């Protein structure tokens, strides 16, 4: 395996130039911890995130945005998404399906893992997916990537995916944040003993080939990264990427504090702007607001196997009682789209504009009629307590409004707010809770993950017979080679979930973001799970 060397890399040249310009007092890039606008440093950028991460392991399934942002800077995938969510080459420069169950991906030459200067080869791709699909490791993302039966090394720069059944969207799956390529050497040597890809140094180290390298990991406060030496991509004028020399993710939990950081030029990018602060963001002269139709959702989840949610008429009564329009206005200031009690939003290719029988407004008469038929008194309290993580104000506000709306038809319950860490450790034990789902590029990413028995976020109710037709439709859609046939299956899944599922999706939040006007060539996509600063500059 060839070792990658160079006489003098870009960062060394930059630092030498800094010393030449400022003598001994020249800027140390690794020491610049404030935003570019505040410090005058035009090679540093600070991004604001909310909840602190628990790990930077790309295999771990971390759902916190700070970890998502950092991992996608540290690691690369075979493909990637542009601002329009179209699939583009990344580590792979070409791919094709040899038949319905065989895909070949050709790798670019000259991409390196920065921690050991070893070139990214087909053996690393194979090691990544072998680890992900090892049944003994119970990797959370395995099924999401598709029915991968095996991965073969064709040569150093070509890898073959053998699928257990026809699967036409594999190039899309290779661009997901969960499909980052990890060094084979790291998997074999940096993991906890007997746990390839888990524990060990993977918690707080970087074994990727992305545009930025990890410098410092302080999960409660910030994550600092610096530009990768000799990154394999250049811009349209053949200049080295990334242009930014240092990137910091700053953890700020409070919504007001996040906007303060932008207003005071302590940060350059707020990738997920709080809707309650949107008017304020629009009024800050040096901040560019960015609003796109999005798919971020804050649903209420009812376990369909737990009383009283095991009665479909009770679930329907709850859905009839909820005023989605009032929640959209009250929580998001109207910055979003009414949902249809399933995860597929209007921005998705296979969105079905279903008759919204449970919305957008409340239908208390319908709700009360169903409750009367079930024998419930005019006022009663259910035994279950709603668990609500407190790291996201939208979730808390939605829970309170739902509590008030259900009380209007006589259904009362208590709310238990808890820390994000507590929620993560207990959520599977709660049959009644609020959660949040990010917007993913393809409806399969959400439908499979949440409603298929093998999906990472599949709850107990989705193993129940009430939604078996939905996950069978999802399987059929994944295997369909004809797009119209695939659409029919995805539509059927949405219909079943709306009618029989235990989720209430009030609305889809618009993708709201803000960044200071000194940030150039920054085009956020509506996913809000990445911060695409690879091509950005600071004026």
Protein backbone atom coordinates (compact mmCIF):
# COMPACT_ATOMS: atom_id res chain seq x y z
CA UNK A 1 0.00 0.00 0.00
CA UNK A 2 1.57 3.28 -1.12
CA UNK A 3 2.29 5.87 1.55
CA UNK A 4 1.21 9.41 0.71
CA UNK A 5 3.92 12.05 1.24
CA UNK A 6 4.63 15.61 0.14
CA UNK A 7 7.52 17.99 0.63
CA UNK A 8 5.40 20.77 2.12
CA UNK A 9 1.64 20.75 2.50
CA UNK A 10 -0.79 23.64 2.21
CA UNK A 11 -1.21 24.15 5.94
CA UNK A 12 2.53 24.35 6.54
CA UNK A 13 2.79 27.01 3.83
CA UNK A 14 -0.09 28.95 5.37
CA UNK A 15 1.47 28.89 8.81
CA UNK A 16 4.81 30.00 7.47
CA UNK A 17 3.09 32.89 5.74
CA UNK A 18 1.42 33.81 9.03
CA UNK A 19 4.78 33.89 10.81
CA UNK A 20 6.31 35.92 8.01
CA UNK A 21 3.52 38.47 8.23
CA UNK A 22 3.37 38.71 12.01
CA UNK A 23 6.70 37.44 13.31
CA UNK A 24 6.50 35.47 16.53
CA UNK A 25 2.99 36.83 17.09
CA UNK A 26 1.58 35.24 13.92
CA UNK A 27 -1.84 33.51 14.20
CA UNK A 28 -1.91 29.87 15.23
CA UNK A 29 -4.81 28.30 13.38
CA UNK A 30 -5.40 25.63 16.01
CA UNK A 31 -5.72 28.34 18.66
CA UNK A 32 -8.37 30.48 16.95
CA UNK A 33 -11.53 29.65 18.86
CA UNK A 34 -13.74 32.63 18.02
CA UNK A 35 -15.69 33.37 14.88
CA UNK A 36 -14.08 34.82 11.80
CA UNK A 37 -16.13 38.03 11.94
CA UNK A 38 -15.13 38.67 15.56
CA UNK A 39 -11.48 37.79 15.31
CA UNK A 40 -10.72 39.13 11.86
CA UNK A 41 -9.44 35.69 10.85
CA UNK A 42 -10.71 35.01 7.33
CA UNK A 43 -9.83 31.29 7.44
CA UNK A 44 -11.94 30.19 10.41
CA UNK A 45 -15.65 29.50 10.73
CA UNK A 46 -17.83 28.73 13.75
CA UNK A 47 -21.07 26.74 13.48
CA UNK A 48 -23.68 26.62 16.26
CA UNK A 49 -25.32 23.36 17.34
CA UNK A 50 -27.62 22.47 20.23
CA UNK A 51 -27.33 19.18 22.13
CA UNK A 52 -23.84 17.87 22.96
CA UNK A 53 -22.79 14.64 21.22
CA UNK A 54 -21.93 11.41 22.99
CA UNK A 55 -19.58 10.03 20.31
CA UNK A 56 -17.98 10.83 16.95
CA UNK A 57 -18.08 7.21 15.82
CA UNK A 58 -19.64 7.04 12.32
CA UNK A 59 -20.81 3.48 13.08
CA UNK A 60 -22.68 4.45 16.26
CA UNK A 61 -25.86 6.00 14.86
CA UNK A 62 -25.47 9.24 16.84
CA UNK A 63 -28.58 11.39 16.31
CA UNK A 64 -27.25 14.70 17.64
CA UNK A 65 -26.62 17.39 15.03
CA UNK A 66 -23.18 18.37 16.35
CA UNK A 67 -21.96 14.81 15.77
CA UNK A 68 -23.66 14.65 12.36
CA UNK A 69 -21.92 17.85 11.25
CA UNK A 70 -18.49 16.77 12.51
CA UNK A 71 -18.67 13.22 11.12
CA UNK A 72 -19.59 14.50 7.66
CA UNK A 73 -16.59 16.84 7.71
CA UNK A 74 -14.24 14.11 8.96
CA UNK A 75 -15.41 11.27 6.69
CA UNK A 76 -16.29 10.85 3.03
CA UNK A 77 -18.77 8.55 1.31
CA UNK A 78 -18.80 6.93 -2.09
CA UNK A 79 -21.33 9.54 -3.25
CA UNK A 80 -22.65 12.82 -1.86
CA UNK A 81 -25.65 15.15 -2.26
CA UNK A 82 -25.62 18.65 -3.71
CA UNK A 83 -27.91 21.48 -2.55
CA UNK A 84 -30.69 20.10 -4.77
CA UNK A 85 -30.30 16.64 -3.16
CA UNK A 86 -28.94 15.17 -6.39
CA UNK A 87 -26.37 12.37 -6.13
CA UNK A 88 -22.82 13.37 -7.09
CA UNK A 89 -19.46 11.54 -7.13
CA UNK A 90 -17.31 11.62 -4.02
CA UNK A 91 -14.87 8.78 -3.28
CA UNK A 92 -16.51 6.96 -6.19
CA UNK A 93 -16.17 8.56 -9.61
CA UNK A 94 -18.44 6.14 -11.44
CA UNK A 95 -20.96 3.40 -10.70
CA UNK A 96 -23.21 1.08 -12.63
CA UNK A 97 -25.56 -1.84 -12.11
CA UNK A 98 -24.30 -4.90 -13.93
CA UNK A 99 -27.65 -6.57 -13.30
CA UNK A 100 -30.56 -6.21 -10.87
CA UNK A 101 -28.52 -7.38 -7.89
CA UNK A 102 -24.92 -6.36 -8.70
CA UNK A 103 -23.42 -2.87 -8.44
CA UNK A 104 -19.84 -1.83 -9.28
CA UNK A 105 -18.37 1.39 -7.84
CA UNK A 106 -15.09 2.75 -9.24
CA UNK A 107 -12.97 4.68 -6.73
CA UNK A 108 -10.98 7.81 -7.40
CA UNK A 109 -7.21 7.63 -7.01
CA UNK A 110 -5.44 10.02 -4.68
CA UNK A 111 -7.87 10.09 -1.72
CA UNK A 112 -6.17 9.48 1.64
CA UNK A 113 -7.03 8.82 5.25
CA UNK A 114 -5.36 11.73 6.96
CA UNK A 115 -4.61 9.99 10.28
CA UNK A 116 -2.16 7.55 8.66
CA UNK A 117 -1.67 8.91 5.10
CA UNK A 118 -2.88 5.64 3.56
CA UNK A 119 -4.84 5.75 0.31
CA UNK A 120 -8.55 4.92 0.35
CA UNK A 121 -8.90 1.60 -1.44
CA UNK A 122 -11.60 -0.95 -2.18
CA UNK A 123 -10.52 -2.99 0.85
CA UNK A 124 -11.54 -0.06 3.08
CA UNK A 125 -14.99 0.07 1.48
CA UNK A 126 -15.39 -3.66 1.99
CA UNK A 127 -14.21 -3.45 5.62
CA UNK A 128 -16.68 -0.62 6.30
CA UNK A 129 -19.72 -2.49 5.04
CA UNK A 130 -18.57 -5.86 6.39
CA UNK A 131 -18.45 -4.19 9.81
CA UNK A 132 -21.79 -2.49 9.30
CA UNK A 133 -23.48 -5.74 8.27
CA UNK A 134 -21.83 -8.03 10.82
CA UNK A 135 -24.86 -9.62 12.56
CA UNK A 136 -22.94 -10.03 15.81
CA UNK A 137 -22.37 -6.28 16.05
CA UNK A 138 -26.04 -5.32 15.55
CA UNK A 139 -25.12 -2.17 13.67
CA UNK A 140 -28.04 0.31 13.75
CA UNK A 141 -27.71 1.42 10.13
CA UNK A 142 -27.29 -1.94 8.38
CA UNK A 143 -30.74 -2.31 6.89
CA UNK A 144 -30.93 1.33 5.87
CA UNK A 145 -28.18 0.81 3.30
CA UNK A 146 -30.22 -1.85 1.52
CA UNK A 147 -30.17 -5.66 1.22
CA UNK A 148 -26.39 -5.94 0.87
CA UNK A 149 -25.48 -9.63 0.80
CA UNK A 150 -21.73 -9.24 0.35
CA UNK A 151 -19.03 -6.82 -0.79
CA UNK A 152 -16.11 -7.90 -2.99
CA UNK A 153 -12.83 -6.22 -3.89
CA UNK A 154 -12.53 -6.21 -7.69
CA UNK A 155 -9.20 -4.39 -7.60
CA UNK A 156 -7.71 -1.56 -5.53
CA UNK A 157 -10.05 0.98 -7.15
CA UNK A 158 -13.22 -1.03 -7.80
CA UNK A 159 -15.65 -2.61 -5.36
CA UNK A 160 -18.65 -4.82 -6.04
CA UNK A 161 -21.87 -4.86 -4.00
CA UNK A 162 -23.89 -8.06 -4.26
CA UNK A 163 -27.50 -7.46 -3.25
CA UNK A 164 -29.80 -10.12 -1.86
CA UNK A 165 -32.61 -8.77 -4.03
CA UNK A 166 -33.09 -6.04 -6.66
CA UNK A 167 -32.23 -2.65 -5.17
CA UNK A 168 -32.19 0.30 -7.52
CA UNK A 169 -31.32 3.16 -5.13
CA UNK A 170 -27.90 2.00 -3.87
CA UNK A 171 -26.00 5.06 -5.27
CA UNK A 172 -28.37 7.24 -3.26
CA UNK A 173 -27.77 5.19 -0.13
CA UNK A 174 -24.01 5.56 -0.52
CA UNK A 175 -24.42 9.35 -0.09
CA UNK A 176 -26.13 9.13 3.28
CA UNK A 177 -24.35 10.38 6.38
CA UNK A 178 -24.55 6.83 7.74
CA UNK A 179 -22.49 5.38 4.85
CA UNK A 180 -19.13 7.04 5.48
CA UNK A 181 -16.04 5.01 4.57
CA UNK A 182 -13.74 4.11 7.45
CA UNK A 183 -10.14 2.92 7.25
CA UNK A 184 -9.75 -0.86 7.41
CA UNK A 185 -6.64 -0.32 9.52
CA UNK A 186 -8.65 1.68 12.07
CA UNK A 187 -11.43 -0.89 12.22
CA UNK A 188 -8.89 -3.62 12.94
CA UNK A 189 -6.62 -1.66 15.29
CA UNK A 190 -8.50 1.24 16.90
CA UNK A 191 -11.72 -0.46 18.07
CA UNK A 192 -12.52 -1.89 21.48
CA UNK A 193 -11.37 -5.49 21.77
CA UNK A 194 -13.79 -7.83 20.06
CA UNK A 195 -15.96 -4.95 18.80
CA UNK A 196 -14.82 -3.86 15.32
CA UNK A 197 -15.90 -0.31 14.61
CA UNK A 198 -17.08 0.30 18.17
CA UNK A 199 -15.63 1.74 21.37
CA UNK A 200 -11.90 2.25 21.71
CA UNK A 201 -10.57 5.29 19.91
CA UNK A 202 -13.63 5.59 17.67
CA UNK A 203 -15.47 7.59 20.34
CA UNK A 204 -13.27 10.67 20.08
CA UNK A 205 -10.94 10.18 17.09
CA UNK A 206 -11.01 10.68 13.33
CA UNK A 207 -10.32 7.82 10.91
CA UNK A 208 -11.79 9.33 7.76
CA UNK A 209 -10.79 10.96 4.50
CA UNK A 210 -13.05 14.02 4.63
CA UNK A 211 -12.18 17.69 4.07
CA UNK A 212 -11.51 18.38 7.77
CA UNK A 213 -9.49 16.64 10.49
CA UNK A 214 -10.45 16.50 14.16
CA UNK A 215 -8.27 18.67 16.41
CA UNK A 216 -10.16 18.90 19.69
CA UNK A 217 -13.27 17.18 21.02
CA UNK A 218 -14.95 18.75 24.04
CA UNK A 219 -18.48 17.35 23.71
CA UNK A 220 -20.07 19.67 26.26
CA UNK A 221 -18.75 22.83 24.63
CA UNK A 222 -17.14 22.53 21.19
CA UNK A 223 -15.55 20.43 18.48
CA UNK A 224 -12.62 21.87 16.55
CA UNK A 225 -11.40 20.68 13.16
CA UNK A 226 -8.84 21.92 10.65
CA UNK A 227 -8.53 21.59 6.90
CA UNK A 228 -7.24 18.26 5.63
CA UNK A 229 -3.85 18.41 3.96
CA UNK A 230 -4.04 17.68 0.23
CA UNK A 231 -7.75 16.93 0.16
CA UNK A 232 -8.63 15.07 -3.05
CA UNK A 233 -11.08 17.62 -4.48
CA UNK A 234 -10.52 21.08 -5.92
CA UNK A 235 -12.91 23.87 -6.89
CA UNK A 236 -13.87 24.87 -10.45
CA UNK A 237 -10.65 26.89 -10.76
CA UNK A 238 -8.51 23.99 -9.54
CA UNK A 239 -7.88 25.60 -6.14
CA UNK A 240 -7.41 23.34 -3.11
CA UNK A 241 -10.46 22.53 -1.02
CA UNK A 242 -11.56 23.29 1.59
CA UNK A 243 -10.91 27.04 1.57
CA UNK A 244 -11.64 27.35 5.29
CA UNK A 245 -8.62 26.43 7.41
CA UNK A 246 -10.43 25.80 10.69
CA UNK A 247 -14.02 24.94 11.63
CA UNK A 248 -15.48 24.93 15.13
CA UNK A 249 -18.83 23.51 16.22
CA UNK A 250 -19.95 25.43 19.29
CA UNK A 251 -22.56 23.87 21.58
CA UNK A 252 -25.26 26.34 22.66
CA UNK A 253 -28.46 24.83 24.03
CA UNK A 254 -30.66 27.92 24.44
CA UNK A 255 -32.40 29.27 21.34
CA UNK A 256 -31.80 32.89 22.30
CA UNK A 257 -28.12 32.21 22.89
CA UNK A 258 -27.76 30.64 19.44
CA UNK A 259 -29.04 33.79 17.76
CA UNK A 260 -26.93 35.96 20.07
CA UNK A 261 -23.85 34.21 18.73
CA UNK A 262 -24.80 35.24 15.18
CA UNK A 263 -25.78 38.74 16.15
CA UNK A 264 -22.54 39.31 18.07
CA UNK A 265 -20.45 37.72 15.29
CA UNK A 266 -19.26 35.02 17.67
CA UNK A 267 -20.39 32.46 15.08
CA UNK A 268 -20.83 32.50 11.33
CA UNK A 269 -23.48 29.82 10.72
CA UNK A 270 -26.63 28.77 12.54
CA UNK A 271 -27.65 25.73 10.43
CA UNK A 272 -30.91 25.13 12.30
CA UNK A 273 -32.51 28.42 13.28
CA UNK A 274 -35.18 28.31 16.00
CA UNK A 275 -38.54 29.24 14.48
CA UNK A 276 -39.45 31.37 17.49
CA UNK A 277 -36.40 33.54 16.73
CA UNK A 278 -36.98 33.76 12.98
CA UNK A 279 -38.28 37.34 12.96
CA UNK A 280 -35.30 38.39 15.05
CA UNK A 281 -32.88 36.69 12.66
CA UNK A 282 -34.48 38.47 9.73
CA UNK A 283 -33.91 41.78 11.51
CA UNK A 284 -30.14 41.37 12.00
CA UNK A 285 -28.52 43.44 9.26
CA UNK A 286 -25.37 41.35 8.79
CA UNK A 287 -27.16 37.97 8.81
CA UNK A 288 -28.45 36.25 5.68
CA UNK A 289 -31.65 34.28 6.45
CA UNK A 290 -32.18 31.10 4.44
CA UNK A 291 -35.60 29.43 4.23
CA UNK A 292 -36.47 26.32 2.22
CA UNK A 293 -39.31 23.78 2.37
CA UNK A 294 -38.09 21.13 4.77
CA UNK A 295 -38.99 17.90 6.45
CA UNK A 296 -37.92 18.28 10.08
CA UNK A 297 -40.75 16.90 12.20
CA UNK A 298 -41.65 16.71 15.89
CA UNK A 299 -44.16 13.85 16.19
CA UNK A 300 -45.94 12.38 19.16
CA UNK A 301 -45.55 8.61 19.36
CA UNK A 302 -48.13 6.19 20.80
CA UNK A 303 -47.11 2.54 21.18
CA UNK A 304 -49.94 0.66 19.47
CA UNK A 305 -49.36 -2.36 21.74
CA UNK A 306 -49.93 -0.41 24.97
CA UNK A 307 -53.31 0.47 26.48
CA UNK A 308 -55.19 2.61 25.56
CA UNK A 309 -53.35 2.97 22.23
CA UNK A 310 -54.01 -0.65 21.30
CA UNK A 311 -57.57 0.48 20.44
CA UNK A 312 -57.50 1.98 16.94
CA UNK A 313 -60.58 4.09 17.68
CA UNK A 314 -58.79 5.64 20.65
CA UNK A 315 -55.81 6.52 18.45
CA UNK A 316 -58.20 8.04 15.91
CA UNK A 317 -59.88 10.05 18.68
CA UNK A 318 -56.51 11.47 19.65
CA UNK A 319 -55.72 12.36 16.04
CA UNK A 320 -59.13 14.03 15.57
CA UNK A 321 -58.62 16.12 18.74
CA UNK A 322 -55.29 17.61 17.65
CA UNK A 323 -55.28 20.96 15.86
CA UNK A 324 -52.25 20.77 13.58
CA UNK A 325 -52.73 24.25 12.18
CA UNK A 326 -52.70 25.74 15.69
CA UNK A 327 -49.48 23.83 16.50
CA UNK A 328 -47.83 25.00 13.27
CA UNK A 329 -48.71 28.61 14.07
CA UNK A 330 -47.99 28.42 17.78
CA UNK A 331 -44.74 26.48 17.68
CA UNK A 332 -43.24 27.32 14.27
CA UNK A 333 -44.84 30.68 13.58
CA UNK A 334 -46.43 29.22 10.47
CA UNK A 335 -43.00 28.38 9.01
CA UNK A 336 -43.85 24.92 7.71
CA UNK A 337 -46.36 22.57 6.09
CA UNK A 338 -49.21 20.57 7.64
CA UNK A 339 -48.33 16.86 7.85
CA UNK A 340 -50.43 13.77 7.21
CA UNK A 341 -49.38 11.61 10.19
CA UNK A 342 -46.51 9.99 8.32
CA UNK A 343 -42.91 11.01 7.76
CA UNK A 344 -43.02 11.64 3.99
CA UNK A 345 -43.05 15.40 3.38
CA UNK A 346 -44.05 17.31 0.20
CA UNK A 347 -40.40 17.73 -0.79
CA UNK A 348 -39.97 13.99 -1.26
CA UNK A 349 -40.17 12.40 -4.68
CA UNK A 350 -42.82 9.87 -3.64
CA UNK A 351 -44.97 12.13 -1.48
CA UNK A 352 -48.66 11.18 -1.65
CA UNK A 353 -51.14 14.04 -1.24
CA UNK A 354 -53.57 11.97 0.81
CA UNK A 355 -56.98 13.11 2.07
CA UNK A 356 -56.07 14.53 5.49
CA UNK A 357 -58.93 13.03 7.49
CA UNK A 358 -57.30 14.05 10.79
CA UNK A 359 -56.55 17.65 9.95
CA UNK A 360 -55.50 20.33 9.54
CA UNK A 361 -57.86 21.59 12.26
CA UNK A 362 -59.25 19.76 15.29
CA UNK A 363 -62.50 17.81 15.01
CA UNK A 364 -63.56 17.52 18.66
CA UNK A 365 -67.02 16.14 17.87
CA UNK A 366 -65.50 13.20 15.98
CA UNK A 367 -63.02 12.62 18.79
CA UNK A 368 -65.65 12.72 21.52
CA UNK A 369 -68.00 10.42 19.58
CA UNK A 370 -65.30 7.73 19.34
CA UNK A 371 -64.45 8.09 23.04
CA UNK A 372 -68.14 7.79 23.97
CA UNK A 373 -68.46 4.64 21.89
CA UNK A 374 -65.46 3.20 23.74
CA UNK A 375 -67.16 3.95 27.08
CA UNK A 376 -64.87 6.71 28.34
CA UNK A 377 -66.33 9.35 30.70
CA UNK A 378 -66.39 13.06 29.84
CA UNK A 379 -63.15 13.56 31.78
CA UNK A 380 -60.47 10.96 32.46
CA UNK A 381 -56.70 10.59 32.79
CA UNK A 382 -54.68 7.97 30.98
CA UNK A 383 -52.13 6.08 33.05
CA UNK A 384 -49.23 6.79 30.69
CA UNK A 385 -46.92 9.78 31.11
CA UNK A 386 -45.62 11.52 28.00
CA UNK A 387 -41.80 11.56 27.96
CA UNK A 388 -40.42 14.74 26.39
CA UNK A 389 -36.69 15.46 25.87
CA UNK A 390 -35.96 19.05 26.85
CA UNK A 391 -33.10 19.75 24.43
CA UNK A 392 -35.45 20.99 21.73
CA UNK A 393 -37.96 23.72 22.49
CA UNK A 394 -40.18 22.79 19.55
CA UNK A 395 -40.75 19.35 21.04
CA UNK A 396 -41.61 20.79 24.43
CA UNK A 397 -43.97 23.42 23.01
CA UNK A 398 -45.71 20.85 20.79
CA UNK A 399 -46.20 18.52 23.76
CA UNK A 400 -47.80 21.29 25.84
CA UNK A 401 -50.18 22.27 23.03
CA UNK A 402 -51.18 18.62 22.44
CA UNK A 403 -51.81 18.27 26.17
CA UNK A 404 -54.13 21.30 26.10
CA UNK A 405 -55.92 20.16 22.92
CA UNK A 406 -56.60 16.65 24.22
CA UNK A 407 -57.93 18.07 27.48
CA UNK A 408 -60.63 19.80 25.39
CA UNK A 409 -62.14 16.36 24.65
CA UNK A 410 -61.59 15.07 28.19
CA UNK A 411 -58.31 13.22 27.71
CA UNK A 412 -55.75 14.21 30.35
CA UNK A 413 -52.16 13.10 30.90
CA UNK A 414 -48.95 14.27 32.53
CA UNK A 415 -45.72 15.37 30.82
CA UNK A 416 -42.29 14.33 32.06
CA UNK A 417 -39.53 16.55 30.68
CA UNK A 418 -36.12 14.90 30.78
CA UNK A 419 -32.60 15.54 29.60
CA UNK A 420 -31.55 14.29 26.19
CA UNK A 421 -29.15 11.76 27.72
CA UNK A 422 -31.90 10.36 29.94
CA UNK A 423 -34.32 10.18 27.03
CA UNK A 424 -31.80 8.31 24.87
CA UNK A 425 -31.25 5.74 27.59
CA UNK A 426 -34.97 5.24 28.30
CA UNK A 427 -36.97 5.92 25.14
CA UNK A 428 -37.57 2.27 24.30
CA UNK A 429 -39.24 1.84 27.70
CA UNK A 430 -41.73 4.68 27.11
CA UNK A 431 -44.95 3.84 25.24
CA UNK A 432 -45.87 7.55 24.96
CA UNK A 433 -43.36 10.24 24.03
CA UNK A 434 -42.34 13.16 21.82
CA UNK A 435 -39.42 12.84 19.44
CA UNK A 436 -37.91 14.52 16.40
CA UNK A 437 -37.00 13.25 12.94
CA UNK A 438 -34.61 14.88 10.54
CA UNK A 439 -35.36 15.36 6.85
CA UNK A 440 -33.63 12.68 4.77
CA UNK A 441 -33.06 12.79 1.00
CA UNK A 442 -35.24 9.84 0.01
CA UNK A 443 -38.53 8.63 1.55
CA UNK A 444 -37.05 5.16 1.95
CA UNK A 445 -34.52 6.60 4.42
CA UNK A 446 -37.36 7.53 6.76
CA UNK A 447 -40.00 4.91 6.00
CA UNK A 448 -37.57 2.03 6.41
CA UNK A 449 -35.79 3.47 9.45
CA UNK A 450 -38.97 4.13 11.40
CA UNK A 451 -41.64 1.70 10.17
CA UNK A 452 -39.76 -1.39 9.13
CA UNK A 453 -39.04 -4.02 11.81
CA UNK A 454 -35.34 -3.93 10.88
CA UNK A 455 -35.11 -0.13 10.92
CA UNK A 456 -32.90 1.65 13.44
CA UNK A 457 -35.73 3.68 14.99
CA UNK A 458 -38.39 0.98 14.71
CA UNK A 459 -40.39 0.99 17.92
CA UNK A 460 -42.31 -1.87 19.51
CA UNK A 461 -45.56 -0.85 17.83
CA UNK A 462 -44.04 -1.31 14.40
CA UNK A 463 -43.44 -4.97 15.06
CA UNK A 464 -47.15 -5.28 15.70
CA UNK A 465 -49.62 -6.48 13.10
CA UNK A 466 -51.18 -3.01 12.82
CA UNK A 467 -48.43 -1.85 10.48
CA UNK A 468 -47.31 -5.06 8.81
CA UNK A 469 -48.85 -3.98 5.50
CA UNK A 470 -46.79 -0.78 5.63
CA UNK A 471 -43.43 -2.48 5.98
CA UNK A 472 -44.34 -5.04 3.35
CA UNK A 473 -45.09 -2.15 0.99
CA UNK A 474 -41.71 -0.62 1.87
CA UNK A 475 -39.95 -3.90 1.01
CA UNK A 476 -41.83 -4.05 -2.30
CA UNK A 477 -40.89 -0.46 -3.14
CA UNK A 478 -37.20 -1.13 -2.47
CA UNK A 479 -37.22 -4.07 -4.89
CA UNK A 480 -39.28 -2.42 -7.64
CA UNK A 481 -37.30 -1.53 -10.77
CA UNK A 482 -40.14 0.46 -12.32
CA UNK A 483 -40.53 3.92 -10.81
CA UNK A 484 -44.33 3.99 -11.08
CA UNK A 485 -44.59 0.62 -9.38
CA UNK A 486 -42.25 1.89 -6.68
CA UNK A 487 -44.44 4.96 -6.21
CA UNK A 488 -47.54 2.80 -5.76
CA UNK A 489 -45.87 0.86 -2.95
CA UNK A 490 -44.61 4.00 -1.19
CA UNK A 491 -48.08 5.56 -1.44
CA UNK A 492 -49.63 2.45 0.08
CA UNK A 493 -47.16 2.58 2.97
CA UNK A 494 -48.13 6.21 3.63
CA UNK A 495 -51.84 5.35 3.59
CA UNK A 496 -51.43 2.51 6.10
CA UNK A 497 -49.27 4.58 8.44
CA UNK A 498 -51.71 7.50 8.39
CA UNK A 499 -54.67 5.24 9.13
CA UNK A 500 -53.22 2.70 11.57
CA UNK A 501 -49.89 4.03 12.80
CA UNK A 502 -49.27 5.42 16.27
CA UNK A 503 -47.57 8.65 15.20
CA UNK A 504 -49.09 12.12 15.12
CA UNK A 505 -47.10 14.41 12.82
CA UNK A 506 -48.49 17.94 13.24
CA UNK A 507 -46.30 19.68 10.66
CA UNK A 508 -43.02 19.71 8.74
CA UNK A 509 -40.73 22.54 9.75
CA UNK A 510 -39.29 24.71 7.00
CA UNK A 511 -35.51 24.50 6.83
CA UNK A 512 -34.55 27.75 8.55
CA UNK A 513 -30.92 28.83 8.78
CA UNK A 514 -28.90 31.97 9.17
CA UNK A 515 -25.34 32.92 8.38
CA UNK A 516 -23.34 36.13 8.51
CA UNK A 517 -22.90 37.98 5.24
CA UNK A 518 -19.13 37.45 5.25
CA UNK A 519 -19.71 33.74 4.45
CA UNK A 520 -19.52 33.18 0.70
CA UNK A 521 -20.37 30.14 -1.45
CA UNK A 522 -22.48 28.57 1.27
CA UNK A 523 -25.61 26.88 -0.07
CA UNK A 524 -27.31 24.85 2.67
CA UNK A 525 -29.53 21.98 1.60
CA UNK A 526 -32.90 21.41 3.30
CA UNK A 527 -31.75 18.29 5.14
CA UNK A 528 -30.20 20.27 8.02
CA UNK A 529 -28.09 17.24 8.93
CA UNK A 530 -24.95 18.64 7.31
CA UNK A 531 -23.18 21.97 7.01
CA UNK A 532 -21.65 22.09 3.50
CA UNK A 533 -18.72 24.46 4.03
CA UNK A 534 -16.23 22.55 1.86
CA UNK A 535 -16.46 25.21 -0.88
CA UNK A 536 -17.15 28.20 1.39
CA UNK A 537 -14.95 31.21 2.05
CA UNK A 538 -14.98 34.12 4.52
CA UNK A 539 -14.65 37.64 3.14
